[in-house]
Amino acid sequence: MRKLTNLLVVALLGSCATTFAQSNETSTAVEKSAEIYANEYNKFRFGGYGEILANFMDYGNNRFTDKGTGNTKDHRNSVSIPRFVLAFDYKFNSQWILGAEIEFEAGGTGTAYEIENTENGEYETEIEKGDEVALEQFHITRLIHPAINVRAGHLIVPIGLTNKHHEPINFFGTSRPEGETTLLPSTWHETGIEVFGTFGRDYTRFNY
């Protein structure tokens, strides 16, 4: 009888230990969501990126005319700094995350010269305030579940590939694609609410 009692106690302790280990290994939905969207840092992250652009253009302002190409006297070569961006993220806890990004475009301040062909061919030169400092992102994120999370504030509008992946290493060539930047704002940022998440795994994963 004593041996049977000891055997039952050992089995019960083993079962409790296994259950306790499994409960520790099972993460909550919020923790899974945090692992997917904010697993690169623990509390605070500061970073940024810059872009230096060199262009050699041996064509005129209108490249689609006969005189627009091959004009050796109209070389438009330039070296510029289109943008410099500072960003930071802060985790209040595993559910709430604050993110911000400020962008300095072309130095942030300066003047722009514009020549307009108006009033029957009269050219006017205007001196305007050029370049800008823009608060590109400032939002707070509530992580709920890998399939559904909410973000509110000033956000990047992910319309088009360039807005979604606007960092210099993510698009081909030295400049952002001319087609997208002409048809769409780039980078497009607005104040609003965003819902995002991910379904599935591996090759069947769907992100929105």
N, C-alpha and C. Protein backbone atom coordinates (compact mmCIF):
# COMPACT_ATOMS: atom_id res chain seq x y z
N MET A 1 0.84 -1.20 0.00
CA MET A 1 0.00 0.00 0.00
C MET A 1 0.87 1.25 0.00
N ARG A 2 1.98 1.22 0.80
CA ARG A 2 2.86 2.38 0.86
C ARG A 2 3.54 2.62 -0.49
N LYS A 3 3.93 1.52 -1.18
CA LYS A 3 4.57 1.65 -2.48
C LYS A 3 3.61 2.27 -3.50
N LEU A 4 2.34 1.83 -3.42
CA LEU A 4 1.35 2.37 -4.34
C LEU A 4 1.11 3.86 -4.08
N THR A 5 1.09 4.25 -2.79
CA THR A 5 0.91 5.66 -2.44
C THR A 5 2.07 6.50 -2.95
N ASN A 6 3.30 5.98 -2.74
CA ASN A 6 4.48 6.71 -3.20
C ASN A 6 4.47 6.85 -4.73
N LEU A 7 4.03 5.81 -5.44
CA LEU A 7 3.97 5.84 -6.89
C LEU A 7 2.96 6.88 -7.37
N LEU A 8 1.80 6.95 -6.68
CA LEU A 8 0.80 7.95 -7.04
C LEU A 8 1.30 9.38 -6.78
N VAL A 9 2.02 9.59 -5.69
CA VAL A 9 2.56 10.92 -5.38
C VAL A 9 3.58 11.35 -6.43
N VAL A 10 4.44 10.42 -6.84
CA VAL A 10 5.45 10.73 -7.86
C VAL A 10 4.78 11.06 -9.19
N ALA A 11 3.75 10.27 -9.55
CA ALA A 11 3.05 10.52 -10.80
C ALA A 11 2.35 11.88 -10.77
N LEU A 12 1.73 12.23 -9.61
CA LEU A 12 1.04 13.50 -9.47
C LEU A 12 2.01 14.67 -9.57
N LEU A 13 3.17 14.56 -8.91
CA LEU A 13 4.18 15.62 -8.98
C LEU A 13 4.71 15.80 -10.40
N GLY A 14 4.90 14.67 -11.09
CA GLY A 14 5.37 14.75 -12.47
C GLY A 14 4.36 15.41 -13.38
N SER A 15 3.07 15.10 -13.17
CA SER A 15 2.01 15.71 -13.96
C SER A 15 1.93 17.21 -13.70
N CYS A 16 2.05 17.60 -12.42
CA CYS A 16 2.00 19.03 -12.09
C CYS A 16 3.18 19.78 -12.70
N ALA A 17 4.36 19.16 -12.66
CA ALA A 17 5.55 19.80 -13.24
C ALA A 17 5.40 19.98 -14.74
N THR A 18 4.84 18.96 -15.41
CA THR A 18 4.63 19.05 -16.86
C THR A 18 3.63 20.15 -17.21
N THR A 19 2.53 20.22 -16.44
CA THR A 19 1.52 21.25 -16.67
C THR A 19 2.08 22.64 -16.45
N PHE A 20 2.90 22.80 -15.39
CA PHE A 20 3.49 24.09 -15.09
C PHE A 20 4.44 24.53 -16.20
N ALA A 21 5.23 23.58 -16.71
CA ALA A 21 6.16 23.90 -17.80
C ALA A 21 5.42 24.30 -19.06
N GLN A 22 4.32 23.59 -19.36
CA GLN A 22 3.55 23.93 -20.56
C GLN A 22 2.89 25.29 -20.43
N SER A 23 2.42 25.64 -19.23
CA SER A 23 1.79 26.94 -19.03
C SER A 23 2.80 28.07 -19.18
N ASN A 24 4.06 27.82 -18.80
CA ASN A 24 5.09 28.84 -18.96
C ASN A 24 5.48 29.01 -20.42
N GLU A 25 5.44 27.92 -21.19
CA GLU A 25 5.83 27.98 -22.59
C GLU A 25 4.75 28.58 -23.47
N THR A 26 3.49 28.49 -23.04
CA THR A 26 2.39 29.02 -23.83
C THR A 26 2.31 30.54 -23.64
N SER A 27 2.55 31.29 -24.72
CA SER A 27 2.51 32.75 -24.65
C SER A 27 1.11 33.24 -24.98
N THR A 28 0.80 34.43 -24.48
CA THR A 28 -0.51 35.02 -24.74
C THR A 28 -0.55 35.58 -26.16
N ALA A 29 -1.75 35.97 -26.58
CA ALA A 29 -1.91 36.54 -27.92
C ALA A 29 -1.14 37.84 -28.05
N VAL A 30 -1.14 38.65 -26.98
CA VAL A 30 -0.41 39.92 -27.03
C VAL A 30 1.09 39.66 -27.16
N GLU A 31 1.61 38.68 -26.42
CA GLU A 31 3.03 38.36 -26.51
C GLU A 31 3.41 37.87 -27.90
N LYS A 32 2.53 37.07 -28.51
CA LYS A 32 2.80 36.62 -29.87
C LYS A 32 2.81 37.79 -30.84
N SER A 33 1.87 38.72 -30.65
CA SER A 33 1.82 39.89 -31.51
C SER A 33 3.07 40.75 -31.32
N ALA A 34 3.52 40.89 -30.07
CA ALA A 34 4.73 41.65 -29.80
C ALA A 34 5.96 40.99 -30.42
N GLU A 35 5.99 39.66 -30.43
CA GLU A 35 7.10 38.96 -31.06
C GLU A 35 7.16 39.23 -32.55
N ILE A 36 6.00 39.39 -33.18
CA ILE A 36 5.94 39.61 -34.63
C ILE A 36 6.30 41.05 -34.98
N TYR A 37 5.73 42.03 -34.25
CA TYR A 37 5.82 43.41 -34.67
C TYR A 37 6.82 44.25 -33.87
N ALA A 38 7.28 43.80 -32.73
CA ALA A 38 8.17 44.64 -31.91
C ALA A 38 9.15 43.79 -31.12
N ASN A 39 9.79 42.85 -31.80
CA ASN A 39 10.72 41.97 -31.10
C ASN A 39 12.17 42.38 -31.25
N GLU A 40 12.43 43.55 -31.88
CA GLU A 40 13.80 43.95 -32.15
C GLU A 40 14.42 44.74 -31.00
N TYR A 41 13.63 45.12 -30.00
CA TYR A 41 14.16 45.89 -28.89
C TYR A 41 13.29 45.62 -27.67
N ASN A 42 13.80 45.97 -26.49
CA ASN A 42 13.09 45.66 -25.25
C ASN A 42 12.28 46.85 -24.73
N LYS A 43 12.89 48.04 -24.68
CA LYS A 43 12.21 49.19 -24.09
C LYS A 43 12.25 50.43 -24.98
N PHE A 44 13.44 50.83 -25.41
CA PHE A 44 13.61 52.05 -26.16
C PHE A 44 14.53 51.80 -27.35
N ARG A 45 14.18 52.40 -28.49
CA ARG A 45 15.00 52.25 -29.69
C ARG A 45 15.12 53.60 -30.37
N PHE A 46 16.35 53.97 -30.72
CA PHE A 46 16.61 55.22 -31.41
C PHE A 46 17.43 54.93 -32.66
N GLY A 47 17.05 55.54 -33.77
CA GLY A 47 17.78 55.28 -35.00
C GLY A 47 17.44 56.30 -36.06
N GLY A 48 17.75 55.97 -37.29
CA GLY A 48 17.45 56.86 -38.39
C GLY A 48 18.21 56.45 -39.64
N TYR A 49 18.08 57.27 -40.67
CA TYR A 49 18.81 57.01 -41.90
C TYR A 49 18.94 58.31 -42.68
N GLY A 50 19.92 58.35 -43.56
CA GLY A 50 20.14 59.50 -44.42
C GLY A 50 20.38 59.04 -45.84
N GLU A 51 20.32 59.99 -46.76
CA GLU A 51 20.47 59.66 -48.18
C GLU A 51 21.30 60.74 -48.86
N ILE A 52 22.36 60.34 -49.54
CA ILE A 52 23.17 61.23 -50.36
C ILE A 52 23.00 60.77 -51.80
N LEU A 53 22.61 61.70 -52.68
CA LEU A 53 22.25 61.34 -54.04
C LEU A 53 23.14 62.08 -55.04
N ALA A 54 23.72 61.33 -55.96
CA ALA A 54 24.50 61.91 -57.05
C ALA A 54 23.80 61.59 -58.37
N ASN A 55 23.54 62.63 -59.16
CA ASN A 55 22.86 62.48 -60.45
C ASN A 55 23.72 63.04 -61.57
N PHE A 56 23.80 62.30 -62.67
CA PHE A 56 24.43 62.79 -63.89
C PHE A 56 23.40 62.69 -64.99
N MET A 57 22.88 63.85 -65.42
CA MET A 57 21.81 63.88 -66.42
C MET A 57 22.28 64.67 -67.63
N ASP A 58 22.48 64.00 -68.75
CA ASP A 58 22.98 64.66 -69.95
C ASP A 58 21.85 64.97 -70.92
N TYR A 59 20.69 65.36 -70.38
CA TYR A 59 19.57 65.73 -71.22
C TYR A 59 18.91 66.97 -70.64
N GLY A 60 18.11 67.62 -71.44
CA GLY A 60 17.46 68.85 -71.01
C GLY A 60 16.27 68.59 -70.12
N ASN A 61 15.58 69.68 -69.78
CA ASN A 61 14.41 69.56 -68.91
C ASN A 61 13.31 68.72 -69.55
N ASN A 62 13.21 68.76 -70.88
CA ASN A 62 12.21 67.95 -71.57
C ASN A 62 12.96 66.93 -72.43
N ARG A 63 13.14 65.77 -71.89
CA ARG A 63 13.93 64.75 -72.57
C ARG A 63 13.22 64.14 -73.77
N PHE A 64 11.92 64.39 -73.91
CA PHE A 64 11.15 63.73 -74.96
C PHE A 64 11.07 64.55 -76.25
N THR A 65 11.81 65.64 -76.33
CA THR A 65 11.89 66.40 -77.57
C THR A 65 13.22 66.12 -78.25
N ASP A 66 13.34 66.56 -79.51
CA ASP A 66 14.57 66.31 -80.26
C ASP A 66 15.77 66.99 -79.60
N LYS A 67 15.52 68.16 -79.00
CA LYS A 67 16.62 68.89 -78.37
C LYS A 67 16.80 68.50 -76.91
N GLY A 68 15.96 67.59 -76.43
CA GLY A 68 16.04 67.23 -75.02
C GLY A 68 17.12 66.23 -74.69
N THR A 69 17.60 65.50 -75.67
CA THR A 69 18.63 64.50 -75.42
C THR A 69 19.85 64.79 -76.27
N GLY A 70 20.98 64.37 -75.77
CA GLY A 70 22.21 64.50 -76.53
C GLY A 70 22.77 65.91 -76.58
N ASN A 71 22.24 66.80 -75.77
CA ASN A 71 22.74 68.17 -75.75
C ASN A 71 23.86 68.26 -74.72
N THR A 72 25.10 68.29 -75.21
CA THR A 72 26.24 68.26 -74.29
C THR A 72 26.38 69.54 -73.50
N LYS A 73 25.72 70.62 -73.92
CA LYS A 73 25.81 71.88 -73.20
C LYS A 73 24.80 71.96 -72.06
N ASP A 74 23.98 70.97 -71.94
CA ASP A 74 22.89 71.02 -70.96
C ASP A 74 23.04 69.93 -69.92
N HIS A 75 24.25 69.65 -69.51
CA HIS A 75 24.47 68.66 -68.45
C HIS A 75 23.94 69.20 -67.14
N ARG A 76 23.15 68.41 -66.47
CA ARG A 76 22.60 68.80 -65.17
C ARG A 76 23.07 67.81 -64.13
N ASN A 77 24.26 68.03 -63.64
CA ASN A 77 24.86 67.13 -62.66
C ASN A 77 24.67 67.72 -61.27
N SER A 78 24.42 66.87 -60.31
CA SER A 78 24.18 67.37 -58.95
C SER A 78 24.54 66.32 -57.92
N VAL A 79 24.96 66.78 -56.76
CA VAL A 79 25.14 65.95 -55.57
C VAL A 79 24.32 66.61 -54.46
N SER A 80 23.40 65.88 -53.88
CA SER A 80 22.49 66.48 -52.90
C SER A 80 22.23 65.51 -51.76
N ILE A 81 21.63 66.05 -50.72
CA ILE A 81 21.18 65.25 -49.57
C ILE A 81 19.66 65.38 -49.51
N PRO A 82 18.93 64.49 -50.15
CA PRO A 82 17.47 64.63 -50.22
C PRO A 82 16.79 64.60 -48.86
N ARG A 83 17.27 63.73 -47.96
CA ARG A 83 16.56 63.62 -46.69
C ARG A 83 17.47 63.02 -45.61
N PHE A 84 17.16 63.39 -44.38
CA PHE A 84 17.79 62.81 -43.21
C PHE A 84 16.70 62.60 -42.17
N VAL A 85 16.59 61.40 -41.65
CA VAL A 85 15.44 61.02 -40.81
C VAL A 85 15.93 60.52 -39.45
N LEU A 86 15.28 60.99 -38.39
CA LEU A 86 15.51 60.50 -37.04
C LEU A 86 14.24 59.81 -36.56
N ALA A 87 14.39 58.68 -35.89
CA ALA A 87 13.22 57.91 -35.46
C ALA A 87 13.47 57.31 -34.08
N PHE A 88 12.39 57.15 -33.33
CA PHE A 88 12.50 56.45 -32.05
C PHE A 88 11.21 55.72 -31.75
N ASP A 89 11.34 54.65 -30.96
CA ASP A 89 10.20 53.86 -30.50
C ASP A 89 10.36 53.62 -29.00
N TYR A 90 9.24 53.60 -28.30
CA TYR A 90 9.26 53.38 -26.86
C TYR A 90 8.13 52.43 -26.48
N LYS A 91 8.47 51.38 -25.74
CA LYS A 91 7.48 50.42 -25.26
C LYS A 91 7.07 50.77 -23.83
N PHE A 92 5.82 51.15 -23.66
CA PHE A 92 5.30 51.33 -22.30
C PHE A 92 5.18 49.98 -21.62
N ASN A 93 4.69 48.99 -22.37
CA ASN A 93 4.62 47.61 -21.91
C ASN A 93 4.48 46.75 -23.17
N SER A 94 4.11 45.49 -23.00
CA SER A 94 4.01 44.60 -24.16
C SER A 94 2.80 44.90 -25.04
N GLN A 95 1.91 45.80 -24.57
CA GLN A 95 0.69 46.11 -25.33
C GLN A 95 0.72 47.46 -26.02
N TRP A 96 1.40 48.45 -25.41
CA TRP A 96 1.36 49.82 -25.90
C TRP A 96 2.75 50.26 -26.34
N ILE A 97 2.85 50.78 -27.57
CA ILE A 97 4.12 51.20 -28.14
C ILE A 97 3.95 52.57 -28.80
N LEU A 98 4.86 53.49 -28.49
CA LEU A 98 4.87 54.82 -29.09
C LEU A 98 5.97 54.88 -30.15
N GLY A 99 5.63 55.40 -31.32
CA GLY A 99 6.61 55.53 -32.40
C GLY A 99 6.59 56.92 -33.00
N ALA A 100 7.75 57.43 -33.39
CA ALA A 100 7.84 58.77 -33.98
C ALA A 100 8.96 58.80 -35.00
N GLU A 101 8.81 59.69 -35.99
CA GLU A 101 9.82 59.84 -37.04
C GLU A 101 9.75 61.27 -37.56
N ILE A 102 10.89 61.96 -37.55
CA ILE A 102 10.96 63.32 -38.06
C ILE A 102 11.94 63.35 -39.22
N GLU A 103 11.55 64.05 -40.29
CA GLU A 103 12.34 64.04 -41.52
C GLU A 103 12.79 65.45 -41.88
N PHE A 104 14.08 65.59 -42.17
CA PHE A 104 14.65 66.84 -42.66
C PHE A 104 14.89 66.66 -44.16
N GLU A 105 14.17 67.39 -44.97
CA GLU A 105 14.29 67.26 -46.42
C GLU A 105 15.18 68.36 -46.97
N ALA A 106 16.21 67.94 -47.71
CA ALA A 106 17.14 68.86 -48.39
C ALA A 106 17.70 69.89 -47.43
N GLY A 107 18.09 69.46 -46.26
CA GLY A 107 18.69 70.37 -45.29
C GLY A 107 17.72 71.00 -44.33
N GLY A 108 16.43 70.95 -44.66
CA GLY A 108 15.43 71.45 -43.73
C GLY A 108 15.03 72.89 -43.93
N THR A 109 15.92 73.78 -44.37
CA THR A 109 15.58 75.18 -44.59
C THR A 109 16.29 75.67 -45.84
N GLY A 110 15.84 76.80 -46.38
CA GLY A 110 16.51 77.34 -47.55
C GLY A 110 15.53 78.05 -48.46
N THR A 111 15.96 78.34 -49.69
CA THR A 111 15.12 79.02 -50.66
C THR A 111 15.05 78.21 -51.93
N ALA A 112 13.99 78.41 -52.67
CA ALA A 112 13.79 77.70 -53.94
C ALA A 112 13.52 78.74 -55.02
N TYR A 113 14.16 78.58 -56.15
CA TYR A 113 13.96 79.48 -57.28
C TYR A 113 13.05 78.80 -58.29
N GLU A 114 12.06 79.51 -58.77
CA GLU A 114 11.11 78.97 -59.71
C GLU A 114 10.94 79.91 -60.89
N ILE A 115 11.07 79.36 -62.08
CA ILE A 115 10.87 80.15 -63.30
C ILE A 115 9.59 79.69 -63.95
N GLU A 116 8.64 80.58 -64.09
CA GLU A 116 7.34 80.23 -64.65
C GLU A 116 7.14 80.91 -66.01
N ASN A 117 6.62 80.15 -66.95
CA ASN A 117 6.32 80.70 -68.27
C ASN A 117 4.85 81.10 -68.28
N THR A 118 4.58 82.34 -67.93
CA THR A 118 3.19 82.80 -67.82
C THR A 118 3.04 84.12 -68.57
N GLU A 119 1.81 84.53 -68.74
CA GLU A 119 1.46 85.81 -69.35
C GLU A 119 2.13 85.99 -70.71
N ASN A 120 1.76 85.13 -71.64
CA ASN A 120 2.24 85.20 -73.02
C ASN A 120 3.77 85.13 -73.12
N GLY A 121 4.34 84.21 -72.39
CA GLY A 121 5.78 83.99 -72.53
C GLY A 121 6.65 84.80 -71.60
N GLU A 122 6.06 85.51 -70.65
CA GLU A 122 6.87 86.29 -69.71
C GLU A 122 7.38 85.37 -68.60
N TYR A 123 8.69 85.39 -68.39
CA TYR A 123 9.29 84.54 -67.38
C TYR A 123 9.38 85.32 -66.06
N GLU A 124 8.96 84.67 -65.00
CA GLU A 124 9.03 85.29 -63.68
C GLU A 124 9.87 84.41 -62.75
N THR A 125 10.74 85.03 -62.01
CA THR A 125 11.57 84.32 -61.04
C THR A 125 11.05 84.63 -59.65
N GLU A 126 10.69 83.62 -58.93
CA GLU A 126 10.16 83.78 -57.58
C GLU A 126 11.09 83.13 -56.58
N ILE A 127 11.26 83.76 -55.46
CA ILE A 127 12.04 83.19 -54.36
C ILE A 127 11.06 82.74 -53.29
N GLU A 128 11.02 81.46 -53.04
CA GLU A 128 10.08 80.90 -52.08
C GLU A 128 10.84 80.12 -51.02
N LYS A 129 10.15 79.85 -49.95
CA LYS A 129 10.73 79.01 -48.90
C LYS A 129 10.81 77.58 -49.41
N GLY A 130 11.99 77.01 -49.41
CA GLY A 130 12.16 75.66 -49.92
C GLY A 130 12.49 74.69 -48.81
N ASP A 131 12.41 73.41 -49.13
CA ASP A 131 12.75 72.34 -48.20
C ASP A 131 11.79 72.35 -47.01
N GLU A 132 11.92 71.38 -46.12
CA GLU A 132 11.00 71.34 -44.99
C GLU A 132 11.49 70.39 -43.92
N VAL A 133 10.97 70.59 -42.74
CA VAL A 133 11.12 69.64 -41.63
C VAL A 133 9.73 69.11 -41.35
N ALA A 134 9.54 67.80 -41.48
CA ALA A 134 8.20 67.22 -41.39
C ALA A 134 8.16 66.14 -40.31
N LEU A 135 7.08 66.16 -39.52
CA LEU A 135 6.80 65.07 -38.60
C LEU A 135 6.13 63.98 -39.41
N GLU A 136 6.90 63.02 -39.86
CA GLU A 136 6.39 62.02 -40.79
C GLU A 136 5.54 60.96 -40.09
N GLN A 137 5.93 60.60 -38.87
CA GLN A 137 5.15 59.61 -38.12
C GLN A 137 5.15 59.98 -36.64
N PHE A 138 4.00 59.84 -36.02
CA PHE A 138 3.88 60.00 -34.56
C PHE A 138 2.60 59.28 -34.16
N HIS A 139 2.74 58.07 -33.66
CA HIS A 139 1.55 57.25 -33.41
C HIS A 139 1.77 56.35 -32.20
N ILE A 140 0.65 55.86 -31.69
CA ILE A 140 0.67 54.89 -30.60
C ILE A 140 -0.01 53.62 -31.08
N THR A 141 0.58 52.48 -30.73
CA THR A 141 0.11 51.19 -31.21
C THR A 141 -0.39 50.36 -30.04
N ARG A 142 -1.53 49.74 -30.24
CA ARG A 142 -2.09 48.80 -29.26
C ARG A 142 -2.03 47.41 -29.87
N LEU A 143 -1.16 46.56 -29.32
CA LEU A 143 -1.04 45.18 -29.79
C LEU A 143 -2.08 44.32 -29.08
N ILE A 144 -2.92 43.67 -29.85
CA ILE A 144 -4.01 42.87 -29.30
C ILE A 144 -3.82 41.40 -29.61
N HIS A 145 -3.64 41.10 -30.89
CA HIS A 145 -3.53 39.73 -31.37
C HIS A 145 -2.77 39.77 -32.68
N PRO A 146 -2.00 38.73 -33.02
CA PRO A 146 -1.31 38.76 -34.32
C PRO A 146 -2.23 39.05 -35.49
N ALA A 147 -3.51 38.67 -35.39
CA ALA A 147 -4.44 38.86 -36.50
C ALA A 147 -5.04 40.25 -36.54
N ILE A 148 -5.06 40.99 -35.42
CA ILE A 148 -5.67 42.32 -35.42
C ILE A 148 -5.01 43.19 -34.35
N ASN A 149 -4.49 44.34 -34.80
CA ASN A 149 -3.88 45.33 -33.92
C ASN A 149 -4.30 46.71 -34.41
N VAL A 150 -4.20 47.71 -33.53
CA VAL A 150 -4.69 49.05 -33.85
C VAL A 150 -3.57 50.06 -33.63
N ARG A 151 -3.50 51.03 -34.55
CA ARG A 151 -2.52 52.12 -34.45
C ARG A 151 -3.22 53.43 -34.76
N ALA A 152 -2.98 54.46 -33.96
CA ALA A 152 -3.64 55.76 -34.16
C ALA A 152 -2.62 56.88 -34.04
N GLY A 153 -2.79 57.93 -34.87
CA GLY A 153 -1.89 59.07 -34.85
C GLY A 153 -1.54 59.50 -36.26
N HIS A 154 -0.34 60.01 -36.45
CA HIS A 154 0.13 60.42 -37.77
C HIS A 154 0.89 59.25 -38.39
N LEU A 155 0.39 58.74 -39.53
CA LEU A 155 0.83 57.46 -40.06
C LEU A 155 1.28 57.58 -41.51
N ILE A 156 2.13 56.63 -41.92
CA ILE A 156 2.45 56.45 -43.33
C ILE A 156 1.28 55.73 -44.00
N VAL A 157 0.79 56.28 -45.11
CA VAL A 157 -0.29 55.65 -45.86
C VAL A 157 0.34 54.64 -46.82
N PRO A 158 0.14 53.35 -46.62
CA PRO A 158 0.85 52.34 -47.41
C PRO A 158 0.22 52.08 -48.78
N ILE A 159 0.07 53.16 -49.57
CA ILE A 159 -0.46 53.05 -50.92
C ILE A 159 0.71 53.05 -51.89
N GLY A 160 0.88 51.95 -52.63
CA GLY A 160 2.02 51.84 -53.54
C GLY A 160 3.22 51.25 -52.83
N LEU A 161 4.13 50.69 -53.61
CA LEU A 161 5.29 50.04 -53.04
C LEU A 161 6.26 51.05 -52.42
N THR A 162 6.35 52.25 -52.99
CA THR A 162 7.33 53.21 -52.50
C THR A 162 6.93 53.75 -51.13
N ASN A 163 5.66 54.00 -50.90
CA ASN A 163 5.24 54.47 -49.58
C ASN A 163 5.44 53.38 -48.52
N LYS A 164 5.18 52.15 -48.88
CA LYS A 164 5.34 51.07 -47.93
C LYS A 164 6.81 50.81 -47.64
N HIS A 165 7.65 50.93 -48.66
CA HIS A 165 9.09 50.67 -48.52
C HIS A 165 9.84 51.89 -49.05
N HIS A 166 9.82 52.97 -48.28
CA HIS A 166 10.37 54.23 -48.78
C HIS A 166 11.82 54.47 -48.39
N GLU A 167 12.43 53.57 -47.63
CA GLU A 167 13.84 53.75 -47.29
C GLU A 167 14.70 53.54 -48.54
N PRO A 168 15.86 54.22 -48.64
CA PRO A 168 16.66 54.18 -49.87
C PRO A 168 17.11 52.78 -50.29
N ILE A 169 17.26 51.85 -49.36
CA ILE A 169 17.75 50.52 -49.74
C ILE A 169 16.65 49.63 -50.26
N ASN A 170 15.41 50.11 -50.28
CA ASN A 170 14.28 49.26 -50.63
C ASN A 170 13.72 49.49 -52.03
N PHE A 171 14.23 50.47 -52.76
CA PHE A 171 13.76 50.65 -54.13
C PHE A 171 14.96 50.64 -55.07
N PHE A 172 14.71 50.24 -56.32
CA PHE A 172 15.78 50.13 -57.31
C PHE A 172 16.19 51.52 -57.81
N GLY A 173 17.45 51.66 -58.08
CA GLY A 173 17.95 52.93 -58.58
C GLY A 173 18.35 53.86 -57.46
N THR A 174 18.85 55.03 -57.85
CA THR A 174 19.30 56.00 -56.86
C THR A 174 18.17 56.90 -56.36
N SER A 175 17.12 57.04 -57.14
CA SER A 175 15.99 57.89 -56.76
C SER A 175 14.72 57.04 -56.65
N ARG A 176 13.75 57.57 -55.95
CA ARG A 176 12.46 56.89 -55.87
C ARG A 176 11.82 56.84 -57.26
N PRO A 177 11.07 55.79 -57.56
CA PRO A 177 10.50 55.63 -58.90
C PRO A 177 9.70 56.85 -59.33
N GLU A 178 10.01 57.35 -60.51
CA GLU A 178 9.39 58.59 -60.98
C GLU A 178 7.90 58.43 -61.20
N GLY A 179 7.47 57.26 -61.67
CA GLY A 179 6.05 57.05 -61.91
C GLY A 179 5.23 57.16 -60.64
N GLU A 180 5.66 56.48 -59.58
CA GLU A 180 4.90 56.51 -58.33
C GLU A 180 4.97 57.87 -57.67
N THR A 181 6.14 58.48 -57.64
CA THR A 181 6.26 59.77 -56.95
C THR A 181 5.54 60.89 -57.69
N THR A 182 5.28 60.71 -58.99
CA THR A 182 4.52 61.71 -59.75
C THR A 182 3.02 61.54 -59.53
N LEU A 183 2.56 60.28 -59.48
CA LEU A 183 1.13 60.01 -59.35
C LEU A 183 0.66 60.02 -57.90
N LEU A 184 1.53 59.64 -56.97
CA LEU A 184 1.16 59.54 -55.57
C LEU A 184 2.07 60.43 -54.73
N PRO A 185 1.57 60.93 -53.60
CA PRO A 185 2.48 61.61 -52.67
C PRO A 185 3.53 60.63 -52.15
N SER A 186 4.74 61.10 -51.98
CA SER A 186 5.81 60.23 -51.49
C SER A 186 6.78 61.08 -50.66
N THR A 187 6.89 60.87 -49.37
CA THR A 187 6.17 59.82 -48.66
C THR A 187 4.81 60.36 -48.20
N TRP A 188 3.77 59.57 -48.37
CA TRP A 188 2.41 59.96 -48.05
C TRP A 188 2.15 59.68 -46.57
N HIS A 189 1.89 60.74 -45.79
CA HIS A 189 1.58 60.55 -44.36
C HIS A 189 0.38 61.40 -43.98
N GLU A 190 -0.52 60.80 -43.23
CA GLU A 190 -1.77 61.44 -42.82
C GLU A 190 -2.08 61.07 -41.37
N THR A 191 -2.99 61.81 -40.76
CA THR A 191 -3.45 61.51 -39.42
C THR A 191 -4.69 60.63 -39.50
N GLY A 192 -4.70 59.52 -38.77
CA GLY A 192 -5.83 58.61 -38.83
C GLY A 192 -5.65 57.40 -37.94
N ILE A 193 -6.40 56.36 -38.25
CA ILE A 193 -6.38 55.09 -37.50
C ILE A 193 -6.06 53.97 -38.47
N GLU A 194 -5.21 53.07 -38.04
CA GLU A 194 -4.78 51.94 -38.88
C GLU A 194 -5.04 50.63 -38.15
N VAL A 195 -5.56 49.67 -38.87
CA VAL A 195 -5.74 48.31 -38.35
C VAL A 195 -4.85 47.39 -39.17
N PHE A 196 -4.05 46.56 -38.49
CA PHE A 196 -3.10 45.71 -39.20
C PHE A 196 -2.96 44.38 -38.48
N GLY A 197 -2.46 43.39 -39.20
CA GLY A 197 -2.27 42.07 -38.61
C GLY A 197 -1.70 41.09 -39.60
N THR A 198 -1.60 39.84 -39.17
CA THR A 198 -1.07 38.78 -40.03
C THR A 198 -1.79 37.47 -39.73
N PHE A 199 -2.04 36.70 -40.79
CA PHE A 199 -2.69 35.40 -40.68
C PHE A 199 -1.75 34.33 -41.22
N GLY A 200 -1.94 33.11 -40.73
CA GLY A 200 -1.23 31.97 -41.28
C GLY A 200 0.23 31.94 -40.89
N ARG A 201 0.97 31.08 -41.60
CA ARG A 201 2.39 30.93 -41.31
C ARG A 201 3.12 30.47 -42.57
N ASP A 202 4.41 30.68 -42.58
CA ASP A 202 5.29 30.27 -43.69
C ASP A 202 4.76 30.80 -45.03
N TYR A 203 4.55 29.89 -45.99
CA TYR A 203 4.14 30.31 -47.34
C TYR A 203 2.68 30.71 -47.43
N THR A 204 1.91 30.43 -46.41
CA THR A 204 0.48 30.81 -46.43
C THR A 204 0.22 32.05 -45.58
N ARG A 205 1.26 32.79 -45.22
CA ARG A 205 1.09 33.98 -44.39
C ARG A 205 0.52 35.14 -45.21
N PHE A 206 -0.43 35.86 -44.61
CA PHE A 206 -1.06 37.02 -45.25
C PHE A 206 -0.96 38.19 -44.29
N ASN A 207 -0.33 39.27 -44.74
CA ASN A 207 -0.19 40.47 -43.95
C ASN A 207 -1.09 41.57 -44.52
N TYR A 208 -1.71 42.34 -43.66
CA TYR A 208 -2.51 43.47 -44.12
C TYR A 208 -2.26 44.68 -43.25
